[in-house]
PDB file of N, CA and C in Angstrom:
ATOM      1  N   MET A   1       8.979 -38.664 185.626  1.00  0.00           N
ATOM      2  CA  MET A   1      10.874 -38.064 184.689  1.00  0.00           C
ATOM      3  C   MET A   1      10.349 -38.182 183.644  1.00  0.00           C
ATOM      4  N   LYS A   2       9.478 -38.817 182.991  1.00  0.00           N
ATOM      5  CA  LYS A   2       9.748 -37.963 181.385  1.00  0.00           C
ATOM      6  C   LYS A   2       8.741 -36.880 182.011  1.00  0.00           C
ATOM      7  N   ARG A   3       7.492 -37.174 182.679  1.00  0.00           N
ATOM      8  CA  ARG A   3       7.012 -35.124 182.973  1.00  0.00           C
ATOM      9  C   ARG A   3       7.553 -34.339 183.188  1.00  0.00           C
ATOM     10  N   PHE A   4       9.036 -34.218 183.568  1.00  0.00           N
ATOM     11  CA  PHE A   4       9.529 -33.985 183.946  1.00  0.00           C
ATOM     12  C   PHE A   4      10.539 -32.857 183.412  1.00  0.00           C
ATOM     13  N   VAL A   5      10.351 -33.717 182.214  1.00  0.00           N
ATOM     14  CA  VAL A   5      11.311 -33.633 180.711  1.00  0.00           C
ATOM     15  C   VAL A   5      10.956 -32.670 180.103  1.00  0.00           C
ATOM     16  N   LEU A   6       9.847 -33.181 180.409  1.00  0.00           N
ATOM     17  CA  LEU A   6       8.348 -32.059 179.157  1.00  0.00           C
ATOM     18  C   LEU A   6       7.878 -31.388 180.091  1.00  0.00           C
ATOM     19  N   VAL A   7       8.078 -30.271 181.152  1.00  0.00           N
ATOM     20  CA  VAL A   7       7.893 -29.616 181.677  1.00  0.00           C
ATOM     21  C   VAL A   7       9.082 -29.136 181.572  1.00  0.00           C
ATOM     22  N   LEU A   8       9.755 -29.120 181.953  1.00  0.00           N
ATOM     23  CA  LEU A   8      11.731 -28.458 181.657  1.00  0.00           C
ATOM     24  C   LEU A   8      11.463 -27.311 179.520  1.00  0.00           C
ATOM     25  N   THR A   9      11.346 -28.569 178.581  1.00  0.00           N
ATOM     26  CA  THR A   9      11.019 -28.391 177.604  1.00  0.00           C
ATOM     27  C   THR A   9      10.189 -27.380 177.382  1.00  0.00           C
ATOM     28  N   GLY A  10       8.439 -27.685 178.398  1.00  0.00           N
ATOM     29  CA  GLY A  10       7.896 -26.787 177.325  1.00  0.00           C
ATOM     30  C   GLY A  10       8.537 -24.738 178.349  1.00  0.00           C
ATOM     31  N   LEU A  11       9.543 -25.200 179.263  1.00  0.00           N
ATOM     32  CA  LEU A  11       9.535 -23.378 180.032  1.00  0.00           C
ATOM     33  C   LEU A  11      10.575 -22.728 179.072  1.00  0.00           C
ATOM     34  N   ALA A  12      11.639 -23.854 178.715  1.00  0.00           N
ATOM     35  CA  ALA A  12      12.385 -23.598 177.446  1.00  0.00           C
ATOM     36  C   ALA A  12      11.688 -22.860 176.436  1.00  0.00           C
ATOM     37  N   ALA A  13      11.094 -23.473 176.123  1.00  0.00           N
ATOM     38  CA  ALA A  13      10.675 -23.291 174.349  1.00  0.00           C
ATOM     39  C   ALA A  13       9.730 -21.949 175.121  1.00  0.00           C
ATOM     40  N   LEU A  14       9.208 -21.981 176.239  1.00  0.00           N
ATOM     41  CA  LEU A  14       8.263 -20.398 176.436  1.00  0.00           C
ATOM     42  C   LEU A  14       9.498 -19.366 176.623  1.00  0.00           C
ATOM     43  N   LEU A  15      10.577 -19.455 177.279  1.00  0.00           N
ATOM     44  CA  LEU A  15      11.851 -19.310 177.307  1.00  0.00           C
ATOM     45  C   LEU A  15      12.296 -18.198 175.731  1.00  0.00           C
ATOM     46  N   LEU A  16      13.196 -18.837 174.909  1.00  0.00           N
ATOM     47  CA  LEU A  16      13.607 -19.011 173.212  1.00  0.00           C
ATOM     48  C   LEU A  16      11.991 -18.257 173.093  1.00  0.00           C
ATOM     49  N   ALA A  17      10.977 -18.226 173.001  1.00  0.00           N
ATOM     50  CA  ALA A  17      10.128 -17.321 172.408  1.00  0.00           C
ATOM     51  C   ALA A  17      10.061 -15.991 173.252  1.00  0.00           C
ATOM     52  N   ALA A  18       9.704 -15.801 174.366  1.00  0.00           N
ATOM     53  CA  ALA A  18      10.360 -14.354 174.676  1.00  0.00           C
ATOM     54  C   ALA A  18      11.328 -13.723 173.729  1.00  0.00           C
ATOM     55  N   CYS A  19      12.153 -14.362 173.674  1.00  0.00           N
ATOM     56  CA  CYS A  19      13.370 -13.545 173.379  1.00  0.00           C
ATOM     57  C   CYS A  19      13.821 -13.023 171.709  1.00  0.00           C
ATOM     58  N   ALA A  20      13.072 -13.894 171.643  1.00  0.00           N
ATOM     59  CA  ALA A  20      12.794 -14.107 170.059  1.00  0.00           C
ATOM     60  C   ALA A  20      12.168 -12.129 169.121  1.00  0.00           C
ATOM     61  N   PRO A  21      12.797 -11.834 167.941  1.00  0.00           N
ATOM     62  CA  PRO A  21      12.368 -10.694 167.989  1.00  0.00           C
ATOM     63  C   PRO A  21      11.446 -10.820 167.090  1.00  0.00           C
ATOM     64  N   SER A  22      10.129  -9.273 168.285  1.00  0.00           N
ATOM     65  CA  SER A  22       8.936  -9.444 166.659  1.00  0.00           C
ATOM     66  C   SER A  22       9.145  -8.999 165.553  1.00  0.00           C
ATOM     67  N   ALA A  23       8.012  -8.820 164.891  1.00  0.00           N
ATOM     68  CA  ALA A  23       7.854  -7.807 163.983  1.00  0.00           C
ATOM     69  C   ALA A  23       7.054  -6.932 163.896  1.00  0.00           C
ATOM     70  N   GLN A  24       7.831  -6.295 163.033  1.00  0.00           N
ATOM     71  CA  GLN A  24       7.125  -4.498 163.281  1.00  0.00           C
ATOM     72  C   GLN A  24       8.224  -3.930 162.233  1.00  0.00           C
ATOM     73  N   VAL A  25       6.348  -3.083 161.653  1.00  0.00           N
ATOM     74  CA  VAL A  25       5.955  -2.459 159.902  1.00  0.00           C
ATOM     75  C   VAL A  25       6.910  -0.854 159.808  1.00  0.00           C
ATOM     76  N   ALA A  26       7.724  -1.301 158.663  1.00  0.00           N
ATOM     77  CA  ALA A  26       8.223   0.257 158.668  1.00  0.00           C
ATOM     78  C   ALA A  26       7.764   1.289 157.619  1.00  0.00           C
ATOM     79  N   THR A  27       7.531   2.156 158.928  1.00  0.00           N
ATOM     80  CA  THR A  27       7.474   3.368 158.133  1.00  0.00           C
ATOM     81  C   THR A  27       7.673   4.540 157.415  1.00  0.00           C
ATOM     82  N   ASN A  28       9.797   4.865 157.351  1.00  0.00           N
ATOM     83  CA  ASN A  28      10.131   5.013 156.360  1.00  0.00           C
ATOM     84  C   ASN A  28      10.515   4.759 155.530  1.00  0.00           C
ATOM     85  N   VAL A  29       9.718   4.145 154.821  1.00  0.00           N
ATOM     86  CA  VAL A  29       9.812   3.282 153.142  1.00  0.00           C
ATOM     87  C   VAL A  29      10.334   4.456 152.761  1.00  0.00           C
ATOM     88  N   VAL A  30      10.912   4.447 152.020  1.00  0.00           N
ATOM     89  CA  VAL A  30      11.223   5.714 150.885  1.00  0.00           C
ATOM     90  C   VAL A  30      10.988   5.851 149.955  1.00  0.00           C
ATOM     91  N   PRO A  31      10.062   6.455 149.215  1.00  0.00           N
ATOM     92  CA  PRO A  31       9.472   6.385 148.043  1.00  0.00           C
ATOM     93  C   PRO A  31      10.202   5.952 146.077  1.00  0.00           C
ATOM     94  N   THR A  32      10.332   5.696 145.414  1.00  0.00           N
ATOM     95  CA  THR A  32      11.135   4.837 144.808  1.00  0.00           C
ATOM     96  C   THR A  32      10.467   5.193 143.164  1.00  0.00           C
ATOM     97  N   LEU A  33      11.044   5.871 142.642  1.00  0.00           N
ATOM     98  CA  LEU A  33      10.464   6.559 140.815  1.00  0.00           C
ATOM     99  C   LEU A  33      12.320   6.120 140.005  1.00  0.00           C
ATOM    100  N   ILE A  34      10.577   5.101 139.089  1.00  0.00           N
ATOM    101  CA  ILE A  34      11.628   3.977 137.974  1.00  0.00           C
ATOM    102  C   ILE A  34      11.620   4.643 137.030  1.00  0.00           C
ATOM    103  N   SER A  35      10.725   5.480 136.114  1.00  0.00           N
ATOM    104  CA  SER A  35      10.353   5.699 135.408  1.00  0.00           C
ATOM    105  C   SER A  35       9.011   6.466 134.972  1.00  0.00           C
ATOM    106  N   VAL A  36       9.818   7.503 133.957  1.00  0.00           N
ATOM    107  CA  VAL A  36       8.744   8.545 133.482  1.00  0.00           C
ATOM    108  C   VAL A  36       8.366   8.524 132.318  1.00  0.00           C
ATOM    109  N   ASN A  37       7.207   8.456 131.660  1.00  0.00           N
ATOM    110  CA  ASN A  37       7.037   8.580 130.467  1.00  0.00           C
ATOM    111  C   ASN A  37       5.966   9.920 130.287  1.00  0.00           C
ATOM    112  N   ALA A  38       6.214  10.493 129.386  1.00  0.00           N
ATOM    113  CA  ALA A  38       5.337  11.387 128.884  1.00  0.00           C
ATOM    114  C   ALA A  38       5.471  11.569 127.243  1.00  0.00           C
ATOM    115  N   ASN A  39       3.644  11.540 127.539  1.00  0.00           N
ATOM    116  CA  ASN A  39       2.719  11.170 125.184  1.00  0.00           C
ATOM    117  C   ASN A  39       1.951  11.897 125.444  1.00  0.00           C
ATOM    118  N   GLY A  40       2.246  13.065 124.653  1.00  0.00           N
ATOM    119  CA  GLY A  40       1.616  13.596 123.999  1.00  0.00           C
ATOM    120  C   GLY A  40       0.956  15.098 125.410  1.00  0.00           C
ATOM    121  N   GLY A  41       0.798  15.287 126.382  1.00  0.00           N
ATOM    122  CA  GLY A  41       0.726  16.018 127.917  1.00  0.00           C
ATOM    123  C   GLY A  41       0.416  14.891 128.922  1.00  0.00           C
ATOM    124  N   GLU A  42       0.056  13.675 128.505  1.00  0.00           N
ATOM    125  CA  GLU A  42       0.210  12.957 129.611  1.00  0.00           C
ATOM    126  C   GLU A  42       1.422  12.403 129.868  1.00  0.00           C
ATOM    127  N   VAL A  43       1.991  12.695 131.119  1.00  0.00           N
ATOM    128  CA  VAL A  43       2.733  12.312 132.592  1.00  0.00           C
ATOM    129  C   VAL A  43       2.788  10.945 133.191  1.00  0.00           C
ATOM    130  N   VAL A  44       3.481   9.625 132.573  1.00  0.00           N
ATOM    131  CA  VAL A  44       3.686   8.320 133.845  1.00  0.00           C
ATOM    132  C   VAL A  44       4.327   8.060 134.568  1.00  0.00           C
ATOM    133  N   LEU A  45       4.183   8.145 136.166  1.00  0.00           N
ATOM    134  CA  LEU A  45       5.358   7.642 136.608  1.00  0.00           C
ATOM    135  C   LEU A  45       4.745   6.028 137.434  1.00  0.00           C
ATOM    136  N   GLN A  46       6.456   5.856 136.773  1.00  0.00           N
ATOM    137  CA  GLN A  46       6.031   4.290 137.955  1.00  0.00           C
ATOM    138  C   GLN A  46       6.809   4.097 138.738  1.00  0.00           C
ATOM    139  N   GLY A  47       6.649   3.170 139.744  1.00  0.00           N
ATOM    140  CA  GLY A  47       7.306   3.345 140.937  1.00  0.00           C
ATOM    141  C   GLY A  47       7.126   2.144 142.214  1.00  0.00           C
ATOM    142  N   ARG A  48       7.568   3.138 143.278  1.00  0.00           N
ATOM    143  CA  ARG A  48       7.162   1.588 144.427  1.00  0.00           C
ATOM    144  C   ARG A  48       6.828   3.140 145.997  1.00  0.00           C
ATOM    145  N   TRP A  49       5.980   2.095 146.351  1.00  0.00           N
ATOM    146  CA  TRP A  49       5.830   3.117 147.438  1.00  0.00           C
ATOM    147  C   TRP A  49       5.067   4.495 147.927  1.00  0.00           C
ATOM    148  N   PHE A  50       4.829   4.813 146.694  1.00  0.00           N
ATOM    149  CA  PHE A  50       4.182   6.285 146.517  1.00  0.00           C
ATOM    150  C   PHE A  50       3.003   6.409 147.056  1.00  0.00           C
ATOM    151  N   GLY A  51       2.498   5.125 148.186  1.00  0.00           N
ATOM    152  CA  GLY A  51       1.382   5.025 148.654  1.00  0.00           C
ATOM    153  C   GLY A  51      -0.247   5.928 148.400  1.00  0.00           C
ATOM    154  N   GLY A  52      -1.030   6.067 148.633  1.00  0.00           N
ATOM    155  CA  GLY A  52      -2.474   7.098 148.152  1.00  0.00           C
ATOM    156  C   GLY A  52      -2.445   7.903 147.852  1.00  0.00           C
ATOM    157  N   GLY A  53      -1.344   9.035 147.898  1.00  0.00           N
ATOM    158  CA  GLY A  53      -1.351  10.294 147.238  1.00  0.00           C
ATOM    159  C   GLY A  53      -2.903  11.034 148.549  1.00  0.00           C
ATOM    160  N   HIS A  54      -2.864  10.895 149.765  1.00  0.00           N
ATOM    161  CA  HIS A  54      -3.471  11.892 150.543  1.00  0.00           C
ATOM    162  C   HIS A  54      -2.387  13.509 150.858  1.00  0.00           C
ATOM    163  N   GLU A  55      -3.245  14.166 151.580  1.00  0.00           N
ATOM    164  CA  GLU A  55      -2.976  14.812 151.618  1.00  0.00           C
ATOM    165  C   GLU A  55      -0.914  14.903 152.720  1.00  0.00           C
ATOM    166  N   GLY A  56      -0.218  15.813 152.073  1.00  0.00           N
ATOM    167  CA  GLY A  56       1.163  15.673 152.176  1.00  0.00           C
ATOM    168  C   GLY A  56       1.830  15.133 151.550  1.00  0.00           C
ATOM    169  N   SER A  57       1.140  14.789 150.427  1.00  0.00           N
ATOM    170  CA  SER A  57       1.952  14.195 149.067  1.00  0.00           C
ATOM    171  C   SER A  57       1.712  14.939 147.767  1.00  0.00           C
ATOM    172  N   HIS A  58       3.190  15.286 147.083  1.00  0.00           N
ATOM    173  CA  HIS A  58       2.464  15.767 146.094  1.00  0.00           C
ATOM    174  C   HIS A  58       3.796  15.479 144.647  1.00  0.00           C
ATOM    175  N   VAL A  59       4.322  15.447 143.455  1.00  0.00           N
ATOM    176  CA  VAL A  59       4.508  15.660 142.753  1.00  0.00           C
ATOM    177  C   VAL A  59       5.557  17.493 142.187  1.00  0.00           C
ATOM    178  N   VAL A  60       6.735  16.935 141.855  1.00  0.00           N
ATOM    179  CA  VAL A  60       7.255  18.209 141.998  1.00  0.00           C
ATOM    180  C   VAL A  60       7.989  17.880 139.944  1.00  0.00           C
ATOM    181  N   VAL A  61       7.834  18.723 139.094  1.00  0.00           N
ATOM    182  CA  VAL A  61       8.660  18.426 137.778  1.00  0.00           C
ATOM    183  C   VAL A  61       9.233  19.760 138.044  1.00  0.00           C
ATOM    184  N   ALA A  62      10.338  20.181 136.966  1.00  0.00           N
ATOM    185  CA  ALA A  62      11.116  21.344 136.133  1.00  0.00           C
ATOM    186  C   ALA A  62      12.655  21.598 137.544  1.00  0.00           C
ATOM    187  N   ALA A  63      12.881  20.428 138.225  1.00  0.00           N
ATOM    188  CA  ALA A  63      13.693  20.527 139.652  1.00  0.00           C
ATOM    189  C   ALA A  63      14.456  20.336 139.598  1.00  0.00           C
ATOM    190  N   ASN A  64      15.773  20.980 140.585  1.00  0.00           N
ATOM    191  CA  ASN A  64      17.239  20.735 140.077  1.00  0.00           C
ATOM    192  C   ASN A  64      17.071  19.392 140.343  1.00  0.00           C
ATOM    193  N   VAL A  65      18.425  18.919 140.394  1.00  0.00           N
ATOM    194  CA  VAL A  65      18.420  17.711 140.770  1.00  0.00           C
ATOM    195  C   VAL A  65      18.957  17.933 142.946  1.00  0.00           C
ATOM    196  N   ASP A  66      19.267  18.643 143.184  1.00  0.00           N
ATOM    197  CA  ASP A  66      18.287  18.659 144.890  1.00  0.00           C
ATOM    198  C   ASP A  66      16.483  18.332 145.271  1.00  0.00           C
ATOM    199  N   GLY A  67      15.848  18.352 144.142  1.00  0.00           N
ATOM    200  CA  GLY A  67      14.475  18.147 144.225  1.00  0.00           C
ATOM    201  C   GLY A  67      14.174  19.650 144.781  1.00  0.00           C
ATOM    202  N   GLU A  68      15.108  20.831 144.441  1.00  0.00           N
ATOM    203  CA  GLU A  68      14.878  22.069 144.743  1.00  0.00           C
ATOM    204  C   GLU A  68      14.260  23.151 143.608  1.00  0.00           C
ATOM    205  N   ASP A  69      13.815  23.952 143.622  1.00  0.00           N
ATOM    206  CA  ASP A  69      13.012  25.069 142.590  1.00  0.00           C
ATOM    207  C   ASP A  69      12.063  24.422 141.220  1.00  0.00           C
ATOM    208  N   GLY A  70      11.709  23.396 142.049  1.00  0.00           N
ATOM    209  CA  GLY A  70      10.686  23.270 140.967  1.00  0.00           C
ATOM    210  C   GLY A  70       8.787  23.452 141.022  1.00  0.00           C
ATOM    211  N   THR A  71       8.697  22.312 140.208  1.00  0.00           N
ATOM    212  CA  THR A  71       6.879  23.081 140.578  1.00  0.00           C
ATOM    213  C   THR A  71       5.847  22.197 141.124  1.00  0.00           C
ATOM    214  N   VAL A  72       4.788  22.423 141.737  1.00  0.00           N
ATOM    215  CA  VAL A  72       4.219  21.187 142.191  1.00  0.00           C
ATOM    216  C   VAL A  72       2.741  20.566 141.459  1.00  0.00           C
ATOM    217  N   VAL A  73       2.471  19.784 140.576  1.00  0.00           N
ATOM    218  CA  VAL A  73       1.671  19.697 139.311  1.00  0.00           C
ATOM    219  C   VAL A  73       0.363  19.002 139.911  1.00  0.00           C
ATOM    220  N   ASN A  74      -0.736  19.476 139.510  1.00  0.00           N
ATOM    221  CA  ASN A  74      -1.847  18.167 139.543  1.00  0.00           C
ATOM    222  C   ASN A  74      -2.567  17.463 138.921  1.00  0.00           C
ATOM    223  N   VAL A  75      -2.392  16.309 140.129  1.00  0.00           N
ATOM    224  CA  VAL A  75      -2.388  14.417 139.563  1.00  0.00           C
ATOM    225  C   VAL A  75      -3.411  14.421 139.006  1.00  0.00           C
ATOM    226  N   THR A  76      -3.689  14.000 138.086  1.00  0.00           N
ATOM    227  CA  THR A  76      -5.113  12.496 137.663  1.00  0.00           C
ATOM    228  C   THR A  76      -5.193  11.758 138.797  1.00  0.00           C
ATOM    229  N   SER A  77      -4.424  10.632 139.221  1.00  0.00           N
ATOM    230  CA  SER A  77      -4.714   9.613 139.022  1.00  0.00           C
ATOM    231  C   SER A  77      -3.192   9.175 140.194  1.00  0.00           C
ATOM    232  N   TRP A  78      -3.636   8.478 140.944  1.00  0.00           N
ATOM    233  CA  TRP A  78      -2.724   8.009 141.868  1.00  0.00           C
ATOM    234  C   TRP A  78      -2.958   7.081 142.667  1.00  0.00           C
ATOM    235  N   SER A  79      -1.341   5.820 142.389  1.00  0.00           N
ATOM    236  CA  SER A  79      -2.228   4.492 143.221  1.00  0.00           C
ATOM    237  C   SER A  79      -0.849   4.061 143.842  1.00  0.00           C
ATOM    238  N   PRO A  80      -0.600   3.408 144.407  1.00  0.00           N
ATOM    239  CA  PRO A  80       1.012   2.281 145.352  1.00  0.00           C
ATOM    240  C   PRO A  80       1.801   2.971 144.337  1.00  0.00           C
ATOM    241  N   THR A  81       1.480   2.694 143.009  1.00  0.00           N
ATOM    242  CA  THR A  81       3.037   1.919 142.084  1.00  0.00           C
ATOM    243  C   THR A  81       3.028   3.091 140.816  1.00  0.00           C
ATOM    244  N   ARG A  82       1.793   3.985 140.403  1.00  0.00           N
ATOM    245  CA  ARG A  82       1.944   4.920 139.392  1.00  0.00           C
ATOM    246  C   ARG A  82       1.023   6.022 140.042  1.00  0.00           C
ATOM    247  N   ILE A  83       1.126   7.260 139.176  1.00  0.00           N
ATOM    248  CA  ILE A  83       0.557   8.427 139.131  1.00  0.00           C
ATOM    249  C   ILE A  83       1.078   8.611 137.784  1.00  0.00           C
ATOM    250  N   VAL A  84      -0.420   9.416 137.030  1.00  0.00           N
ATOM    251  CA  VAL A  84      -0.235   9.962 136.850  1.00  0.00           C
ATOM    252  C   VAL A  84      -1.034  12.056 136.122  1.00  0.00           C
ATOM    253  N   PHE A  85      -0.325  12.522 135.741  1.00  0.00           N
ATOM    254  CA  PHE A  85      -0.931  13.593 135.479  1.00  0.00           C
ATOM    255  C   PHE A  85      -0.984  14.580 133.915  1.00  0.00           C
ATOM    256  N   GLN A  86      -1.301  15.656 133.734  1.00  0.00           N
ATOM    257  CA  GLN A  86      -1.156  16.264 132.353  1.00  0.00           C
ATOM    258  C   GLN A  86       0.659  17.796 132.898  1.00  0.00           C
ATOM    259  N   ALA A  87       1.158  17.135 132.238  1.00  0.00           N
ATOM    260  CA  ALA A  87       2.403  18.587 132.292  1.00  0.00           C
ATOM    261  C   ALA A  87       1.576  19.509 132.210  1.00  0.00           C
ATOM    262  N   PRO A  88       2.192  20.972 132.568  1.00  0.00           N
ATOM    263  CA  PRO A  88       2.062  22.471 132.249  1.00  0.00           C
ATOM    264  C   PRO A  88       3.065  22.207 131.309  1.00  0.00           C
ATOM    265  N   ASP A  89       2.456  23.772 130.794  1.00  0.00           N
ATOM    266  CA  ASP A  89       2.778  24.167 129.571  1.00  0.00           C
ATOM    267  C   ASP A  89       3.696  24.890 129.819  1.00  0.00           C
ATOM    268  N   GLY A  90       4.898  25.217 129.593  1.00  0.00           N
ATOM    269  CA  GLY A  90       6.050  25.838 129.497  1.00  0.00           C
ATOM    270  C   GLY A  90       7.384  25.703 130.265  1.00  0.00           C
ATOM    271  N   LEU A  91       7.504  24.394 130.716  1.00  0.00           N
ATOM    272  CA  LEU A  91       8.005  24.002 131.853  1.00  0.00           C
ATOM    273  C   LEU A  91       9.581  23.374 131.042  1.00  0.00           C
ATOM    274  N   ALA A  92      10.587  23.977 132.144  1.00  0.00           N
ATOM    275  CA  ALA A  92      11.977  23.905 131.839  1.00  0.00           C
ATOM    276  C   ALA A  92      12.266  22.041 131.760  1.00  0.00           C
ATOM    277  N   ALA A  93      12.832  21.909 131.433  1.00  0.00           N
ATOM    278  CA  ALA A  93      13.497  20.139 131.536  1.00  0.00           C
ATOM    279  C   ALA A  93      14.525  20.698 132.917  1.00  0.00           C
ATOM    280  N   GLY A  94      14.024  18.822 133.641  1.00  0.00           N
ATOM    281  CA  GLY A  94      14.914  19.332 134.913  1.00  0.00           C
ATOM    282  C   GLY A  94      14.006  18.139 135.800  1.00  0.00           C
ATOM    283  N   PHE A  95      14.085  17.560 137.160  1.00  0.00           N
ATOM    284  CA  PHE A  95      14.061  16.361 137.725  1.00  0.00           C
ATOM    285  C   PHE A  95      12.337  16.397 138.141  1.00  0.00           C
ATOM    286  N   VAL A  96      12.234  15.116 138.277  1.00  0.00           N
ATOM    287  CA  VAL A  96      10.971  15.046 138.748  1.00  0.00           C
ATOM    288  C   VAL A  96      10.811  13.544 139.371  1.00  0.00           C
ATOM    289  N   PHE A  97       9.953  14.191 140.765  1.00  0.00           N
ATOM    290  CA  PHE A  97      10.339  13.623 142.340  1.00  0.00           C
ATOM    291  C   PHE A  97       8.949  13.566 142.947  1.00  0.00           C
ATOM    292  N   VAL A  98       9.030  12.521 143.831  1.00  0.00           N
ATOM    293  CA  VAL A  98       7.499  12.085 143.576  1.00  0.00           C
ATOM    294  C   VAL A  98       7.404  12.356 145.709  1.00  0.00           C
ATOM    295  N   VAL A  99       6.637  13.644 146.823  1.00  0.00           N
ATOM    296  CA  VAL A  99       6.999  13.659 147.449  1.00  0.00           C
ATOM    297  C   VAL A  99       6.196  12.774 148.185  1.00  0.00           C
ATOM    298  N   VAL A 100       6.086  11.617 148.996  1.00  0.00           N
ATOM    299  CA  VAL A 100       4.898  11.133 149.846  1.00  0.00           C
ATOM    300  C   VAL A 100       5.610  11.183 151.106  1.00  0.00           C
ATOM    301  N   ASP A 101       4.406  12.380 152.039  1.00  0.00           N
ATOM    302  CA  ASP A 101       4.428  12.085 153.288  1.00  0.00           C
ATOM    303  C   ASP A 101       5.434  13.095 154.166  1.00  0.00           C
ATOM    304  N   GLY A 102       6.210  13.904 153.078  1.00  0.00           N
ATOM    305  CA  GLY A 102       7.525  14.307 152.928  1.00  0.00           C
ATOM    306  C   GLY A 102       8.690  14.328 152.996  1.00  0.00           C
ATOM    307  N   ILE A 103       8.641  12.537 152.483  1.00  0.00           N
ATOM    308  CA  ILE A 103       9.588  12.036 152.582  1.00  0.00           C
ATOM    309  C   ILE A 103       9.919  12.068 150.743  1.00  0.00           C
ATOM    310  N   ALA A 104      11.007  12.614 149.756  1.00  0.00           N
ATOM    311  CA  ALA A 104      11.078  12.714 148.367  1.00  0.00           C
ATOM    312  C   ALA A 104      11.633  11.465 147.804  1.00  0.00           C
ATOM    313  N   SER A 105      11.604  11.582 146.810  1.00  0.00           N
ATOM    314  CA  SER A 105      12.125   9.800 146.125  1.00  0.00           C
ATOM    315  C   SER A 105      13.166  10.709 145.377  1.00  0.00           C
ATOM    316  N   ASN A 106      13.890   9.092 144.831  1.00  0.00           N
ATOM    317  CA  ASN A 106      14.967   9.719 144.065  1.00  0.00           C
ATOM    318  C   ASN A 106      14.000  10.499 142.624  1.00  0.00           C
ATOM    319  N   GLY A 107      15.316  11.588 142.385  1.00  0.00           N
ATOM    320  CA  GLY A 107      14.801  12.215 140.761  1.00  0.00           C
ATOM    321  C   GLY A 107      14.897  11.580 139.728  1.00  0.00           C
ATOM    322  N   LEU A 108      14.305  11.451 138.971  1.00  0.00           N
ATOM    323  CA  LEU A 108      14.469  11.423 137.463  1.00  0.00           C
ATOM    324  C   LEU A 108      15.155  12.267 136.728  1.00  0.00           C
ATOM    325  N   PRO A 109      15.565  12.343 135.161  1.00  0.00           N
ATOM    326  CA  PRO A 109      15.375  13.576 134.465  1.00  0.00           C
ATOM    327  C   PRO A 109      14.152  13.753 133.578  1.00  0.00           C
ATOM    328  N   ALA A 110      14.187  14.678 133.154  1.00  0.00           N
ATOM    329  CA  ALA A 110      12.721  14.497 132.639  1.00  0.00           C
ATOM    330  C   ALA A 110      12.431  15.915 131.976  1.00  0.00           C
ATOM    331  N   ASP A 111      12.271  16.338 130.772  1.00  0.00           N
ATOM    332  CA  ASP A 111      12.080  17.064 129.411  1.00  0.00           C
ATOM    333  C   ASP A 111      10.633  16.590 128.968  1.00  0.00           C
ATOM    334  N   LEU A 112       9.711  17.428 130.627  1.00  0.00           N
ATOM    335  CA  LEU A 112       8.499  17.636 130.032  1.00  0.00           C
ATOM    336  C   LEU A 112       7.486  18.467 128.893  1.00  0.00           C
ATOM    337  N   ASN A 113       8.400  19.066 128.016  1.00  0.00           N
ATOM    338  CA  ASN A 113       7.626  19.782 126.589  1.00  0.00           C
ATOM    339  C   ASN A 113       6.958  19.400 125.252  1.00  0.00           C
TER     340      ASN A 113
END
């Protein structure tokens, strides 16, 4: 009888384990821009989920609130939480966006002149 209970308990545990949800890695994480700091022409963006700055990722400055009509800048340093670049001359005030694999972050207003 004791063996039967153990076998039944083991089968119940296997059944429950088979029904448990499996862990999945999210690939649709939206980059989040937290701050824009400009000091002497150098601009530092702080945030989350910027990735490694590979192809398909860029920074847009002087854009409208929808992220359009802006200028793509040359980035000097890119990490998952920090991006550094030199502000181009003659920019109008506007919004800054980080685009990672085609997904745009939230925009923050910035006057980089």
